[in-house]
Protein backbone atom coordinates (compact mmCIF):
# COMPACT_ATOMS: atom_id res chain seq x y z
CA MET A 1 93.68 144.55 106.91
CA SER A 2 93.76 147.79 104.92
CA LYS A 3 95.38 150.87 106.46
CA ILE A 4 92.86 153.31 104.97
CA SER A 5 90.97 155.25 107.69
CA GLU A 6 88.67 157.38 105.52
CA PHE A 7 87.48 156.92 101.95
CA PHE A 8 85.92 159.98 100.29
CA GLY A 9 85.14 161.32 103.78
CA LEU A 10 83.55 158.09 105.03
CA ASN A 11 84.91 156.29 108.08
CA CYS A 12 86.20 152.96 106.85
CA LEU A 13 85.14 151.21 110.07
CA ASP A 14 81.50 152.20 109.55
CA THR A 15 80.09 149.22 107.67
CA SER A 16 76.76 151.00 107.12
CA GLN A 17 78.33 153.35 104.56
CA ASN A 18 77.95 152.90 100.80
CA PHE A 19 81.62 152.87 99.82
CA GLU A 20 80.89 151.66 96.29
CA GLN A 21 78.71 154.68 95.58
CA ALA A 22 81.38 156.96 97.04
CA MET A 23 83.90 155.37 94.67
CA ILE A 24 81.59 156.01 91.72
CA ASN A 25 80.76 159.63 92.67
CA GLN A 26 84.38 160.51 93.59
CA ASN A 27 83.08 163.51 95.53
CA CYS A 28 85.00 165.29 98.30
CA PRO A 29 82.52 166.21 101.08
CA TYR A 30 84.85 168.94 102.37
CA THR A 31 85.09 170.95 99.13
CA GLY A 32 81.83 169.89 97.50
CA ASN A 33 83.83 169.09 94.35
CA ILE A 34 85.39 166.04 92.74
CA CYS A 35 88.35 164.71 94.73
CA THR A 36 91.68 166.09 93.48
CA LYS A 37 93.82 163.12 94.59
CA MET A 38 94.14 161.39 91.23
CA ARG A 39 95.97 158.24 90.24
CA LYS A 40 99.03 159.24 88.22
CA SER A 41 98.54 156.44 85.69
CA ASP A 42 94.83 157.27 85.27
CA PRO A 43 93.87 160.87 86.18
CA ASP A 44 90.16 160.09 85.81
CA VAL A 45 90.36 157.77 88.82
CA LYS A 46 90.41 159.61 92.15
CA ILE A 47 92.10 157.89 95.07
CA GLY A 48 89.81 159.38 97.72
CA THR A 49 92.01 158.60 100.73
CA CYS A 50 91.55 161.36 103.30
CA SER A 51 93.42 159.70 106.17
CA VAL A 52 95.30 156.49 106.87
CA LYS A 53 96.21 154.35 109.83
CA TYR A 54 99.89 154.64 110.75
CA GLN A 55 101.53 153.49 113.99
CA ASN A 56 98.18 153.44 115.83
CA ASN A 57 97.30 156.97 114.69
CA ASP A 58 94.75 158.11 112.14
CA VAL A 59 96.93 160.44 110.06
CA ILE A 60 95.45 162.98 107.65
CA ILE A 61 97.15 162.96 104.25
CA CYS A 62 94.84 165.35 102.34
CA PRO A 63 94.77 169.04 103.34
CA PHE A 64 91.11 169.37 102.29
CA ARG A 65 90.24 167.00 105.15
CA LEU A 66 91.11 169.89 107.49
CA LEU A 67 88.18 171.92 106.12
CA GLU A 68 85.60 170.05 108.23
CA HIS A 69 82.83 172.50 109.25
CA ASN A 70 85.21 175.44 108.53
CA GLN A 71 86.36 175.03 112.13
CA ILE A 72 90.00 175.84 111.40
CA PHE A 73 88.92 179.22 110.02
CA ILE A 74 86.55 179.91 112.88
CA ASP A 75 89.44 179.25 115.26
CA CYS A 76 91.40 182.03 113.52
CA LEU A 77 88.73 184.74 113.71
CA HIS A 78 90.22 186.31 116.85
CA LEU A 79 93.34 187.16 114.86
CA LEU A 80 91.32 189.51 112.64
CA THR A 81 91.96 192.31 115.13
CA MET A 82 90.54 195.03 112.83
CA HIS A 83 87.31 193.13 112.12
CA GLU A 84 84.09 194.89 113.16
CA PRO A 85 80.42 193.84 113.30
CA GLY A 86 78.88 194.38 109.89
CA ASN A 87 82.02 193.48 107.97
CA GLU A 88 81.83 190.59 105.54
CA LEU A 89 84.12 187.57 105.80
CA TYR A 90 85.74 186.10 102.71
CA LEU A 91 87.87 183.01 102.25
CA ILE A 92 90.23 183.37 99.28
CA PRO A 93 92.31 180.36 98.22
CA GLU A 94 95.84 180.26 96.81
CA VAL A 95 97.08 183.84 96.88
CA GLN A 96 100.57 184.37 95.49
CA ILE A 97 103.07 186.38 97.54
CA PRO A 98 106.90 186.38 97.64
CA GLY A 99 108.09 182.99 98.82
CA GLY A 100 105.17 181.11 97.26
CA HIS A 101 101.39 181.03 97.51
CA VAL A 102 99.36 181.14 100.71
CA ASP A 103 96.69 178.43 100.89
CA TYR A 104 93.94 180.77 102.16
CA PHE A 105 93.43 184.39 103.08
CA LEU A 106 90.66 185.01 105.60
CA VAL A 107 89.55 188.56 104.85
CA SER A 108 87.38 191.04 106.71
CA ALA A 109 85.90 193.53 104.24
CA LYS A 110 83.33 196.29 104.09
CA ASN A 111 81.60 196.95 100.77
CA LYS A 112 84.24 194.84 99.04
CA HIS A 113 87.13 196.86 100.52
CA VAL A 114 89.69 194.99 102.63
CA LYS A 115 89.79 196.02 106.29
CA ASP A 116 91.88 193.17 107.69
CA PHE A 117 93.23 189.77 106.68
CA ILE A 118 95.20 186.78 107.89
CA GLY A 119 97.05 184.12 105.93
CA ILE A 120 96.36 180.45 106.63
CA GLU A 121 98.56 177.54 105.58
CA LEU A 122 97.43 173.90 105.74
CA GLN A 123 99.95 171.09 106.08
CA THR A 124 99.14 167.41 106.22
CA MET A 125 101.50 164.45 105.96
CA ASP A 126 103.33 163.61 102.77
CA THR A 127 103.61 159.88 102.23
CA THR A 128 106.42 157.86 100.75
CA GLY A 129 105.37 155.14 98.38
CA THR A 130 101.74 154.84 97.35
CA VAL A 131 98.46 154.27 99.21
CA TRP A 132 96.88 152.69 96.10
CA PRO A 133 97.40 149.03 97.12
CA ASP A 134 95.83 149.70 100.54
CA ARG A 135 92.95 151.55 98.88
CA GLN A 136 92.28 148.57 96.61
CA LYS A 137 92.66 146.16 99.51
CA PHE A 138 90.03 148.12 101.44
CA LEU A 139 87.57 147.97 98.53
CA ASN A 140 88.16 144.24 98.21
CA GLU A 141 87.39 143.87 101.92
CA GLN A 142 84.05 145.57 101.20
CA ASN A 143 83.33 143.00 98.46
CA ILE A 144 83.82 145.63 95.76
CA ALA A 145 85.52 144.30 92.63
CA VAL A 146 89.06 145.55 91.97
CA ASP A 147 91.89 144.57 89.65
CA GLU A 148 93.48 141.39 90.99
CA ALA A 149 96.91 142.74 90.09
CA ASP A 150 96.40 145.53 92.63
CA LEU A 151 95.85 142.98 95.37
CA GLU A 152 99.09 141.24 94.47
CA ASN A 153 101.01 144.50 94.94
CA LYS A 154 102.60 144.22 98.38
CA LYS A 155 104.08 147.72 98.34
CA SER A 156 102.96 150.00 101.12
CA PHE A 157 103.40 153.62 102.14
CA GLY A 158 105.38 155.39 104.82
CA MET A 159 105.44 158.87 106.33
CA ASN A 160 107.92 161.50 105.21
CA TRP A 161 108.01 163.33 108.57
CA LYS A 162 111.29 165.21 108.27
CA MET A 163 110.85 166.47 104.71
CA THR A 164 107.21 167.44 105.27
CA LEU A 165 108.17 169.55 108.28
CA LYS A 166 111.26 171.09 106.74
CA THR A 167 109.34 172.08 103.62
CA ILE A 168 106.50 173.81 105.45
CA LEU A 169 108.79 175.54 107.97
CA VAL A 170 110.96 176.91 105.18
CA GLN A 171 107.82 178.18 103.44
CA MET A 172 106.53 179.71 106.67
CA HIS A 173 109.84 181.46 107.18
CA HIS A 174 109.84 182.85 103.65
CA LYS A 175 106.42 184.40 104.22
CA SER A 176 106.57 185.31 107.90
CA GLU A 177 108.66 188.46 107.49
CA THR A 178 106.13 189.85 105.00
CA PHE A 179 103.28 189.32 107.48
CA GLU A 180 105.38 190.68 110.33
CA HIS A 181 106.25 193.76 108.27
CA LEU A 182 102.51 194.32 107.64
CA ASN A 183 101.58 193.69 111.30
CA LYS A 184 99.33 190.82 110.17
CA HIS A 185 99.05 187.16 111.14
CA LEU A 186 100.09 183.97 109.36
CA VAL A 187 98.64 180.73 110.76
CA LEU A 188 99.88 177.19 110.19
CA ILE A 189 97.29 174.41 110.61
CA ILE A 190 98.68 170.92 111.30
CA GLN A 191 97.65 167.65 112.93
CA LYS A 192 98.85 166.70 116.41
CA PRO A 193 101.32 163.92 115.38
CA LEU A 194 103.03 166.33 112.99
CA TYR A 195 103.08 169.05 115.67
CA GLU A 196 104.71 166.67 118.16
CA ARG A 197 107.26 165.57 115.58
CA MET A 198 108.05 169.21 114.80
CA TYR A 199 108.99 169.83 118.41
CA SER A 200 111.16 166.72 118.58
CA ASP A 201 112.98 167.19 115.26
CA PHE A 202 113.52 170.98 115.20
CA ASN A 203 114.71 173.56 117.68
CA PHE A 204 111.41 174.86 119.04
CA ASP A 205 112.63 175.13 122.62
CA GLY A 206 111.99 178.89 122.74
CA ILE A 207 108.50 178.69 121.29
CA SER A 208 105.76 178.13 123.85
CA GLY A 209 102.51 179.83 124.77
CA VAL A 210 100.49 182.08 122.50
CA ARG A 211 100.49 185.88 122.16
CA ILE A 212 98.03 187.59 119.83
CA GLY A 213 100.70 190.13 118.89
CA ASP A 214 102.98 187.50 117.36
CA PRO A 215 102.79 187.34 113.56
CA VAL A 216 103.17 183.55 113.28
CA HIS A 217 100.68 181.19 114.92
CA ILE A 218 100.59 177.39 114.86
CA HIS A 219 97.30 175.58 115.52
CA SER A 220 97.50 171.84 116.16
CA TYR A 221 94.43 169.62 115.81
CA ASP A 222 93.73 166.26 117.33
CA PHE A 223 91.85 163.71 115.22
CA ILE A 224 89.39 161.94 117.49
CA ARG A 225 87.31 158.87 116.70
CA GLU A 226 83.76 159.28 118.01
CA ASN A 227 80.52 157.52 117.04
CA ASN A 228 81.84 155.90 113.87
CA LYS A 229 83.37 159.18 112.71
CA LEU A 230 86.70 160.96 112.92
CA ASN A 231 86.47 164.59 114.04
CA LEU A 232 88.94 167.45 114.30
CA SER A 233 89.46 169.15 117.65
CA LEU A 234 91.79 172.04 118.42
CA ASP A 235 94.48 170.65 120.71
CA ALA A 236 97.26 173.25 121.05
CA ARG A 237 98.26 176.75 119.97
CA VAL A 238 101.64 178.47 120.01
CA SER A 239 102.95 181.63 118.43
CA THR A 240 106.25 183.24 117.53
CA ASP A 241 107.78 185.76 115.14
CA SER A 242 109.92 185.47 112.02
CA ALA A 243 113.06 185.29 114.16
CA GLY A 244 111.61 182.30 116.02
CA ILE A 245 111.09 180.41 112.77
CA ALA A 246 114.53 181.51 111.56
CA ASN A 247 116.14 180.09 114.71
CA CYS A 248 114.81 176.67 113.72
CA LEU A 249 116.11 176.84 110.16
CA GLY A 250 118.72 179.58 109.79
CA LEU A 251 117.30 180.73 106.44
CA LYS A 252 116.74 184.11 104.86
CA ALA A 253 113.29 185.32 103.87
CA GLU A 254 112.18 186.60 100.49
CA ARG A 255 111.50 190.27 99.93
CA LYS A 256 108.65 191.90 101.85
CA MET A 257 105.43 193.10 100.23
CA GLY A 258 103.69 196.33 101.13
CA LEU A 259 100.19 196.41 102.59
CA GLN A 260 98.72 197.97 99.46
CA ASP A 261 100.33 195.24 97.33
CA ILE A 262 98.39 192.60 99.28
CA ILE A 263 95.13 194.59 99.19
CA ASN A 264 95.45 195.02 95.41
CA ILE A 265 95.65 191.22 95.08
CA LEU A 266 92.76 190.47 97.46
CA GLU A 267 90.06 193.00 96.51
CA PRO A 268 89.42 191.68 92.97
CA LYS A 269 88.86 188.27 94.57
CA LEU A 270 86.13 189.48 96.97
CA ILE A 271 83.26 187.75 95.23
CA ASP A 272 80.16 186.12 96.71
CA ALA A 273 81.53 182.67 95.89
CA ASN A 274 84.28 183.31 98.46
CA ARG A 275 82.03 184.47 101.31
CA LEU A 276 82.71 182.43 104.45
CA LEU A 277 79.55 180.91 105.86
CA ILE A 278 79.64 179.93 109.53
CA VAL A 279 76.97 177.36 110.33
């Protein structure tokens, strides 16, 4: 049996779904755009695997899957401590700062002028190997024609737990001192299995509880199967500072940015297309 849990946002156990049409459309329901997970040998073919079954868990492997109902952003609103009624909310993707880009900035603005912001990083599991054979096996199980050679491919995928965690924690450390210097918040969004592995593989003994004054926050989401659908649910929150992240890794951060440097990057991006709608 295939290990694919979701295909272009559709629960693979829900036999009422039109998986063939989803394969043809190649649309991501969480971005409203064409799926970005392309096959390396044929970029026009999108893989469409949002989550997979691994060791009895449904594990998210595409960060866009975390965008369901904008809930992860709603769960960060309380960290916009300077936000006031009447301010607009904007969601700005991929903003470059020292140490790399930040996946999203959630911005509170008034008349297109930044009043407050938080950075939000999304991290899902990196796989080893390829999910393509399981994807093709799933389609074959749905009586959808696939290349026979794909079905003969017995290769499977694994989970790169340690490297996934080390990579994101290094990135968080590189950026955390900038946010701490600005008295702003940086939030890491991860799934529960990754959160639990983080605590077992790294020295997070001193990080427990949540304090709104801490610059670094970690939000862990459970992935619950209900009524033929998988849904995200906030499971745990903890917070720390740049020193807390450094204690796990012993690394040095990149240079800090000033508040005005960040504002100068964000304000030109405050366009209607980036307004956050909460429905």
